[in-house]
């Protein structure tokens, strides 16, 4: 689960970084990750419980899909907000 930054008309999450001198890193930044547990209720339905209270804001679960030479391909995001 990743905490997203809210900007004027968008929400953003860093899911990989690339630097000419530092190389590439894949995945969310440590400071944005929120740990959780889950259990399967039935086919296609899961109960998800954060391990700590979530602050107000926007969050997402993401599946990166296949990693290509230039980034993610087929990534999917499920987003939600806490008010």
PDB file of N, CA and C in Angstrom:
ATOM      1  N   UNK A   1       0.857  -1.151   0.000  1.00  0.00           N
ATOM      2  CA  UNK A   1       0.000   0.000   0.000  1.00  0.00           C
ATOM      3  C   UNK A   1       0.916   1.230   0.000  1.00  0.00           C
ATOM      4  N   UNK A   2       0.610   2.170  -0.870  1.00  0.00           N
ATOM      5  CA  UNK A   2       1.477   3.329  -1.057  1.00  0.00           C
ATOM      6  C   UNK A   2       0.694   4.613  -0.802  1.00  0.00           C
ATOM      7  N   UNK A   3       1.266   5.507   0.003  1.00  0.00           N
ATOM      8  CA  UNK A   3       0.683   6.824   0.244  1.00  0.00           C
ATOM      9  C   UNK A   3       1.048   7.729  -0.931  1.00  0.00           C
ATOM     10  N   UNK A   4       0.050   8.401  -1.499  1.00  0.00           N
ATOM     11  CA  UNK A   4       0.291   9.264  -2.658  1.00  0.00           C
ATOM     12  C   UNK A   4       0.322  10.730  -2.237  1.00  0.00           C
ATOM     13  N   UNK A   5       1.053  11.524  -2.988  1.00  0.00           N
ATOM     14  CA  UNK A   5       1.103  12.968  -2.803  1.00  0.00           C
ATOM     15  C   UNK A   5      -0.016  13.603  -3.616  1.00  0.00           C
ATOM     16  N   UNK A   6      -0.785  14.481  -2.973  1.00  0.00           N
ATOM     17  CA  UNK A   6      -1.868  15.163  -3.672  1.00  0.00           C
ATOM     18  C   UNK A   6      -1.339  16.483  -4.209  1.00  0.00           C
ATOM     19  N   UNK A   7      -1.521  16.682  -5.507  1.00  0.00           N
ATOM     20  CA  UNK A   7      -1.166  17.949  -6.151  1.00  0.00           C
ATOM     21  C   UNK A   7      -2.462  18.562  -6.653  1.00  0.00           C
ATOM     22  N   UNK A   8      -2.444  19.718  -7.234  1.00  0.00           N
ATOM     23  CA  UNK A   8      -3.658  20.449  -7.607  1.00  0.00           C
ATOM     24  C   UNK A   8      -4.791  19.563  -8.114  1.00  0.00           C
ATOM     25  N   UNK A   9      -4.615  18.929  -9.241  1.00  0.00           N
ATOM     26  CA  UNK A   9      -5.688  18.108  -9.820  1.00  0.00           C
ATOM     27  C   UNK A   9      -5.231  16.672 -10.038  1.00  0.00           C
ATOM     28  N   UNK A  10      -4.256  16.228  -9.252  1.00  0.00           N
ATOM     29  CA  UNK A  10      -3.751  14.872  -9.459  1.00  0.00           C
ATOM     30  C   UNK A  10      -3.234  14.292  -8.151  1.00  0.00           C
ATOM     31  N   UNK A  11      -2.972  13.007  -8.197  1.00  0.00           N
ATOM     32  CA  UNK A  11      -2.322  12.287  -7.104  1.00  0.00           C
ATOM     33  C   UNK A  11      -1.126  11.590  -7.705  1.00  0.00           C
ATOM     34  N   UNK A  12      -0.024  11.582  -6.975  1.00  0.00           N
ATOM     35  CA  UNK A  12       1.206  11.012  -7.525  1.00  0.00           C
ATOM     36  C   UNK A  12       1.871  10.070  -6.538  1.00  0.00           C
ATOM     37  N   UNK A  13       2.481   9.022  -7.084  1.00  0.00           N
ATOM     38  CA  UNK A  13       3.285   8.104  -6.289  1.00  0.00           C
ATOM     39  C   UNK A  13       4.542   7.789  -7.087  1.00  0.00           C
ATOM     40  N   UNK A  14       5.670   7.796  -6.418  1.00  0.00           N
ATOM     41  CA  UNK A  14       6.926   7.418  -7.070  1.00  0.00           C
ATOM     42  C   UNK A  14       7.022   5.903  -6.998  1.00  0.00           C
ATOM     43  N   UNK A  15       7.022   5.255  -8.182  1.00  0.00           N
ATOM     44  CA  UNK A  15       7.068   3.795  -8.247  1.00  0.00           C
ATOM     45  C   UNK A  15       8.324   3.290  -8.930  1.00  0.00           C
ATOM     46  N   UNK A  16       9.282   4.173  -9.098  1.00  0.00           N
ATOM     47  CA  UNK A  16      10.571   3.832  -9.675  1.00  0.00           C
ATOM     48  C   UNK A  16      11.324   5.120  -9.955  1.00  0.00           C
ATOM     49  N   UNK A  17      12.620   5.060  -9.902  1.00  0.00           N
ATOM     50  CA  UNK A  17      13.443   6.244 -10.167  1.00  0.00           C
ATOM     51  C   UNK A  17      14.625   5.845 -11.032  1.00  0.00           C
ATOM     52  N   UNK A  18      15.079   6.802 -11.816  1.00  0.00           N
ATOM     53  CA  UNK A  18      16.237   6.571 -12.666  1.00  0.00           C
ATOM     54  C   UNK A  18      17.136   7.784 -12.622  1.00  0.00           C
ATOM     55  N   UNK A  19      18.404   7.556 -12.394  1.00  0.00           N
ATOM     56  CA  UNK A  19      19.392   8.624 -12.416  1.00  0.00           C
ATOM     57  C   UNK A  19      20.534   8.222 -13.336  1.00  0.00           C
ATOM     58  N   UNK A  20      21.010   9.155 -14.123  1.00  0.00           N
ATOM     59  CA  UNK A  20      22.079   8.855 -15.075  1.00  0.00           C
ATOM     60  C   UNK A  20      23.315   8.296 -14.368  1.00  0.00           C
ATOM     61  N   UNK A  21      23.589   8.779 -13.156  1.00  0.00           N
ATOM     62  CA  UNK A  21      24.802   8.349 -12.454  1.00  0.00           C
ATOM     63  C   UNK A  21      24.509   7.309 -11.378  1.00  0.00           C
ATOM     64  N   UNK A  22      23.272   7.265 -10.920  1.00  0.00           N
ATOM     65  CA  UNK A  22      22.950   6.362  -9.809  1.00  0.00           C
ATOM     66  C   UNK A  22      22.234   5.101 -10.245  1.00  0.00           C
ATOM     67  N   UNK A  23      21.828   5.013 -11.498  1.00  0.00           N
ATOM     68  CA  UNK A  23      21.129   3.826 -11.981  1.00  0.00           C
ATOM     69  C   UNK A  23      19.642   3.886 -11.693  1.00  0.00           C
ATOM     70  N   UNK A  24      19.009   2.752 -11.758  1.00  0.00           N
ATOM     71  CA  UNK A  24      17.557   2.684 -11.605  1.00  0.00           C
ATOM     72  C   UNK A  24      17.178   1.949 -10.328  1.00  0.00           C
ATOM     73  N   UNK A  25      16.046   2.330  -9.769  1.00  0.00           N
ATOM     74  CA  UNK A  25      15.463   1.591  -8.653  1.00  0.00           C
ATOM     75  C   UNK A  25      13.986   1.404  -8.962  1.00  0.00           C
ATOM     76  N   UNK A  26      13.450   0.253  -8.621  1.00  0.00           N
ATOM     77  CA  UNK A  26      12.053  -0.051  -8.887  1.00  0.00           C
ATOM     78  C   UNK A  26      11.299  -0.168  -7.572  1.00  0.00           C
ATOM     79  N   UNK A  27      10.043   0.215  -7.589  1.00  0.00           N
ATOM     80  CA  UNK A  27       9.202   0.104  -6.405  1.00  0.00           C
ATOM     81  C   UNK A  27       8.997   1.441  -5.737  1.00  0.00           C
ATOM     82  N   UNK A  28       8.101   1.457  -4.780  1.00  0.00           N
ATOM     83  CA  UNK A  28       7.765   2.678  -4.051  1.00  0.00           C
ATOM     84  C   UNK A  28       8.883   3.031  -3.072  1.00  0.00           C
ATOM     85  N   UNK A  29       8.946   4.314  -2.739  1.00  0.00           N
ATOM     86  CA  UNK A  29       9.925   4.769  -1.754  1.00  0.00           C
ATOM     87  C   UNK A  29       9.524   4.259  -0.369  1.00  0.00           C
ATOM     88  N   UNK A  30      10.515   3.942   0.455  1.00  0.00           N
ATOM     89  CA  UNK A  30      10.250   3.413   1.799  1.00  0.00           C
ATOM     90  C   UNK A  30       9.311   4.307   2.596  1.00  0.00           C
ATOM     91  N   UNK A  31       9.493   5.637   2.515  1.00  0.00           N
ATOM     92  CA  UNK A  31       8.675   6.545   3.320  1.00  0.00           C
ATOM     93  C   UNK A  31       7.212   6.590   2.872  1.00  0.00           C
ATOM     94  N   UNK A  32       6.914   6.069   1.697  1.00  0.00           N
ATOM     95  CA  UNK A  32       5.535   6.079   1.183  1.00  0.00           C
ATOM     96  C   UNK A  32       4.801   4.755   1.408  1.00  0.00           C
ATOM     97  N   UNK A  33       5.498   3.719   1.796  1.00  0.00           N
ATOM     98  CA  UNK A  33       4.894   2.393   1.946  1.00  0.00           C
ATOM     99  C   UNK A  33       4.188   2.279   3.295  1.00  0.00           C
ATOM    100  N   UNK A  34       2.983   1.722   3.266  1.00  0.00           N
ATOM    101  CA  UNK A  34       2.221   1.436   4.483  1.00  0.00           C
ATOM    102  C   UNK A  34       1.981  -0.071   4.513  1.00  0.00           C
ATOM    103  N   UNK A  35       2.397  -0.721   5.578  1.00  0.00           N
ATOM    104  CA  UNK A  35       2.262  -2.174   5.674  1.00  0.00           C
ATOM    105  C   UNK A  35       0.829  -2.556   6.015  1.00  0.00           C
ATOM    106  N   UNK A  36       0.433  -3.748   5.598  1.00  0.00           N
ATOM    107  CA  UNK A  36      -0.920  -4.228   5.842  1.00  0.00           C
ATOM    108  C   UNK A  36      -0.914  -5.748   5.878  1.00  0.00           C
ATOM    109  N   UNK A  37      -1.991  -6.294   6.409  1.00  0.00           N
ATOM    110  CA  UNK A  37      -2.207  -7.738   6.335  1.00  0.00           C
ATOM    111  C   UNK A  37      -3.493  -7.954   5.550  1.00  0.00           C
ATOM    112  N   UNK A  38      -3.670  -9.164   5.050  1.00  0.00           N
ATOM    113  CA  UNK A  38      -4.890  -9.448   4.294  1.00  0.00           C
ATOM    114  C   UNK A  38      -5.277 -10.900   4.473  1.00  0.00           C
ATOM    115  N   UNK A  39      -6.546 -11.156   4.254  1.00  0.00           N
ATOM    116  CA  UNK A  39      -7.025 -12.527   4.243  1.00  0.00           C
ATOM    117  C   UNK A  39      -8.045 -12.678   3.130  1.00  0.00           C
ATOM    118  N   UNK A  40      -8.039 -13.829   2.517  1.00  0.00           N
ATOM    119  CA  UNK A  40      -8.981 -14.111   1.440  1.00  0.00           C
ATOM    120  C   UNK A  40     -10.325 -14.468   2.064  1.00  0.00           C
ATOM    121  N   UNK A  41     -11.375 -13.735   1.700  1.00  0.00           N
ATOM    122  CA  UNK A  41     -12.711 -13.993   2.198  1.00  0.00           C
ATOM    123  C   UNK A  41     -13.382 -15.046   1.324  1.00  0.00           C
ATOM    124  N   UNK A  42     -13.311 -14.845   0.015  1.00  0.00           N
ATOM    125  CA  UNK A  42     -13.745 -15.827  -0.970  1.00  0.00           C
ATOM    126  C   UNK A  42     -13.122 -15.429  -2.299  1.00  0.00           C
ATOM    127  N   UNK A  43     -13.359 -16.170  -3.342  1.00  0.00           N
ATOM    128  CA  UNK A  43     -12.731 -15.907  -4.632  1.00  0.00           C
ATOM    129  C   UNK A  43     -12.951 -14.454  -5.058  1.00  0.00           C
ATOM    130  N   UNK A  44     -11.860 -13.750  -5.247  1.00  0.00           N
ATOM    131  CA  UNK A  44     -11.915 -12.368  -5.711  1.00  0.00           C
ATOM    132  C   UNK A  44     -12.211 -11.331  -4.640  1.00  0.00           C
ATOM    133  N   UNK A  45     -12.383 -11.744  -3.379  1.00  0.00           N
ATOM    134  CA  UNK A  45     -12.685 -10.802  -2.290  1.00  0.00           C
ATOM    135  C   UNK A  45     -11.692 -11.011  -1.155  1.00  0.00           C
ATOM    136  N   UNK A  46     -11.046  -9.907  -0.739  1.00  0.00           N
ATOM    137  CA  UNK A  46     -10.051  -9.949   0.316  1.00  0.00           C
ATOM    138  C   UNK A  46     -10.366  -8.903   1.374  1.00  0.00           C
ATOM    139  N   UNK A  47     -10.038  -9.206   2.608  1.00  0.00           N
ATOM    140  CA  UNK A  47     -10.129  -8.249   3.707  1.00  0.00           C
ATOM    141  C   UNK A  47      -8.721  -7.719   3.941  1.00  0.00           C
ATOM    142  N   UNK A  48      -8.557  -6.408   3.854  1.00  0.00           N
ATOM    143  CA  UNK A  48      -7.246  -5.766   4.003  1.00  0.00           C
ATOM    144  C   UNK A  48      -7.268  -4.907   5.260  1.00  0.00           C
ATOM    145  N   UNK A  49      -6.248  -5.071   6.118  1.00  0.00           N
ATOM    146  CA  UNK A  49      -6.176  -4.318   7.367  1.00  0.00           C
ATOM    147  C   UNK A  49      -4.796  -3.663   7.478  1.00  0.00           C
ATOM    148  N   UNK A  50      -4.752  -2.319   7.517  1.00  0.00           N
ATOM    149  CA  UNK A  50      -3.458  -1.643   7.701  1.00  0.00           C
ATOM    150  C   UNK A  50      -2.868  -2.005   9.063  1.00  0.00           C
ATOM    151  N   UNK A  51      -1.546  -2.097   9.130  1.00  0.00           N
ATOM    152  CA  UNK A  51      -0.889  -2.442  10.392  1.00  0.00           C
ATOM    153  C   UNK A  51      -0.776  -1.242  11.322  1.00  0.00           C
ATOM    154  N   UNK A  52      -0.948  -0.036  10.778  1.00  0.00           N
ATOM    155  CA  UNK A  52      -0.999   1.188  11.589  1.00  0.00           C
ATOM    156  C   UNK A  52      -2.168   2.028  11.081  1.00  0.00           C
ATOM    157  N   UNK A  53      -2.614   2.976  11.900  1.00  0.00           N
ATOM    158  CA  UNK A  53      -3.692   3.856  11.454  1.00  0.00           C
ATOM    159  C   UNK A  53      -3.229   4.678  10.263  1.00  0.00           C
ATOM    160  N   UNK A  54      -4.096   4.840   9.284  1.00  0.00           N
ATOM    161  CA  UNK A  54      -3.765   5.646   8.109  1.00  0.00           C
ATOM    162  C   UNK A  54      -4.204   7.085   8.336  1.00  0.00           C
ATOM    163  N   UNK A  55      -3.314   8.017   8.040  1.00  0.00           N
ATOM    164  CA  UNK A  55      -3.649   9.433   8.113  1.00  0.00           C
ATOM    165  C   UNK A  55      -4.561   9.789   6.951  1.00  0.00           C
ATOM    166  N   UNK A  56      -5.242  10.911   7.043  1.00  0.00           N
ATOM    167  CA  UNK A  56      -6.040  11.385   5.918  1.00  0.00           C
ATOM    168  C   UNK A  56      -5.151  11.489   4.698  1.00  0.00           C
ATOM    169  N   UNK A  57      -5.718  11.146   3.554  1.00  0.00           N
ATOM    170  CA  UNK A  57      -4.943  11.256   2.328  1.00  0.00           C
ATOM    171  C   UNK A  57      -5.372  10.246   1.294  1.00  0.00           C
ATOM    172  N   UNK A  58      -4.567  10.124   0.262  1.00  0.00           N
ATOM    173  CA  UNK A  58      -4.831   9.239  -0.867  1.00  0.00           C
ATOM    174  C   UNK A  58      -3.805   8.115  -0.860  1.00  0.00           C
ATOM    175  N   UNK A  59      -4.271   6.906  -1.130  1.00  0.00           N
ATOM    176  CA  UNK A  59      -3.444   5.712  -1.096  1.00  0.00           C
ATOM    177  C   UNK A  59      -3.726   4.852  -2.317  1.00  0.00           C
ATOM    178  N   UNK A  60      -2.848   3.905  -2.580  1.00  0.00           N
ATOM    179  CA  UNK A  60      -3.109   2.963  -3.659  1.00  0.00           C
ATOM    180  C   UNK A  60      -2.397   1.646  -3.390  1.00  0.00           C
ATOM    181  N   UNK A  61      -2.945   0.600  -3.982  1.00  0.00           N
ATOM    182  CA  UNK A  61      -2.278  -0.680  -4.106  1.00  0.00           C
ATOM    183  C   UNK A  61      -1.841  -0.731  -5.557  1.00  0.00           C
ATOM    184  N   UNK A  62      -0.660  -1.207  -5.817  1.00  0.00           N
ATOM    185  CA  UNK A  62      -0.258  -1.304  -7.220  1.00  0.00           C
ATOM    186  C   UNK A  62       0.395  -2.637  -7.505  1.00  0.00           C
ATOM    187  N   UNK A  63       0.162  -3.085  -8.709  1.00  0.00           N
ATOM    188  CA  UNK A  63       0.803  -4.276  -9.245  1.00  0.00           C
ATOM    189  C   UNK A  63       1.601  -3.814 -10.443  1.00  0.00           C
ATOM    190  N   UNK A  64       2.890  -3.995 -10.397  1.00  0.00           N
ATOM    191  CA  UNK A  64       3.767  -3.434 -11.421  1.00  0.00           C
ATOM    192  C   UNK A  64       3.676  -4.147 -12.757  1.00  0.00           C
ATOM    193  N   UNK A  65       3.210  -5.369 -12.771  1.00  0.00           N
ATOM    194  CA  UNK A  65       3.164  -6.096 -14.039  1.00  0.00           C
ATOM    195  C   UNK A  65       4.562  -6.544 -14.435  1.00  0.00           C
ATOM    196  N   UNK A  66       4.817  -6.579 -15.704  1.00  0.00           N
ATOM    197  CA  UNK A  66       6.097  -7.019 -16.235  1.00  0.00           C
ATOM    198  C   UNK A  66       7.082  -5.855 -16.245  1.00  0.00           C
ATOM    199  N   UNK A  67       8.291  -6.107 -15.800  1.00  0.00           N
ATOM    200  CA  UNK A  67       9.330  -5.078 -15.839  1.00  0.00           C
ATOM    201  C   UNK A  67      10.042  -5.178 -17.185  1.00  0.00           C
ATOM    202  N   UNK A  68      10.125  -4.040 -17.884  1.00  0.00           N
ATOM    203  CA  UNK A  68      10.818  -4.002 -19.169  1.00  0.00           C
ATOM    204  C   UNK A  68      12.126  -3.253 -18.996  1.00  0.00           C
ATOM    205  N   UNK A  69      12.874  -3.129 -20.052  1.00  0.00           N
ATOM    206  CA  UNK A  69      14.141  -2.411 -19.995  1.00  0.00           C
ATOM    207  C   UNK A  69      13.985  -0.924 -19.706  1.00  0.00           C
ATOM    208  N   UNK A  70      12.788  -0.378 -19.932  1.00  0.00           N
ATOM    209  CA  UNK A  70      12.591   1.059 -19.700  1.00  0.00           C
ATOM    210  C   UNK A  70      11.536   1.346 -18.641  1.00  0.00           C
ATOM    211  N   UNK A  71      11.115   0.348 -17.901  1.00  0.00           N
ATOM    212  CA  UNK A  71      10.147   0.594 -16.837  1.00  0.00           C
ATOM    213  C   UNK A  71       9.116  -0.504 -16.745  1.00  0.00           C
ATOM    214  N   UNK A  72       7.942  -0.133 -16.210  1.00  0.00           N
ATOM    215  CA  UNK A  72       6.864  -1.089 -15.997  1.00  0.00           C
ATOM    216  C   UNK A  72       5.986  -1.187 -17.232  1.00  0.00           C
ATOM    217  N   UNK A  73       5.469  -2.357 -17.489  1.00  0.00           N
ATOM    218  CA  UNK A  73       4.488  -2.550 -18.555  1.00  0.00           C
ATOM    219  C   UNK A  73       3.294  -3.273 -17.957  1.00  0.00           C
ATOM    220  N   UNK A  74       2.109  -2.757 -18.174  1.00  0.00           N
ATOM    221  CA  UNK A  74       0.913  -3.419 -17.679  1.00  0.00           C
ATOM    222  C   UNK A  74       0.635  -3.187 -16.213  1.00  0.00           C
ATOM    223  N   UNK A  75       1.175  -2.134 -15.630  1.00  0.00           N
ATOM    224  CA  UNK A  75       0.931  -1.839 -14.227  1.00  0.00           C
ATOM    225  C   UNK A  75      -0.530  -1.506 -13.969  1.00  0.00           C
ATOM    226  N   UNK A  76      -1.026  -1.911 -12.798  1.00  0.00           N
ATOM    227  CA  UNK A  76      -2.404  -1.631 -12.425  1.00  0.00           C
ATOM    228  C   UNK A  76      -2.428  -1.018 -11.025  1.00  0.00           C
ATOM    229  N   UNK A  77      -3.373  -0.097 -10.812  1.00  0.00           N
ATOM    230  CA  UNK A  77      -3.479   0.588  -9.526  1.00  0.00           C
ATOM    231  C   UNK A  77      -4.930   0.566  -9.069  1.00  0.00           C
ATOM    232  N   UNK A  78      -5.135   0.303  -7.782  1.00  0.00           N
ATOM    233  CA  UNK A  78      -6.431   0.469  -7.144  1.00  0.00           C
ATOM    234  C   UNK A  78      -6.231   1.583  -6.135  1.00  0.00           C
ATOM    235  N   UNK A  79      -6.920   2.698  -6.290  1.00  0.00           N
ATOM    236  CA  UNK A  79      -6.711   3.843  -5.417  1.00  0.00           C
ATOM    237  C   UNK A  79      -7.924   4.099  -4.552  1.00  0.00           C
ATOM    238  N   UNK A  80      -7.668   4.740  -3.391  1.00  0.00           N
ATOM    239  CA  UNK A  80      -8.742   5.064  -2.451  1.00  0.00           C
ATOM    240  C   UNK A  80      -8.273   6.204  -1.547  1.00  0.00           C
ATOM    241  N   UNK A  81      -9.217   6.835  -0.884  1.00  0.00           N
ATOM    242  CA  UNK A  81      -8.893   7.944  -0.004  1.00  0.00           C
ATOM    243  C   UNK A  81      -9.391   7.697   1.406  1.00  0.00           C
ATOM    244  N   UNK A  82      -8.716   8.317   2.374  1.00  0.00           N
ATOM    245  CA  UNK A  82      -9.120   8.295   3.769  1.00  0.00           C
ATOM    246  C   UNK A  82      -9.472   9.726   4.149  1.00  0.00           C
ATOM    247  N   UNK A  83     -10.698   9.922   4.586  1.00  0.00           N
ATOM    248  CA  UNK A  83     -11.148  11.276   4.963  1.00  0.00           C
ATOM    249  C   UNK A  83     -11.203  11.436   6.457  1.00  0.00           C
TER     250      UNK A  83
END
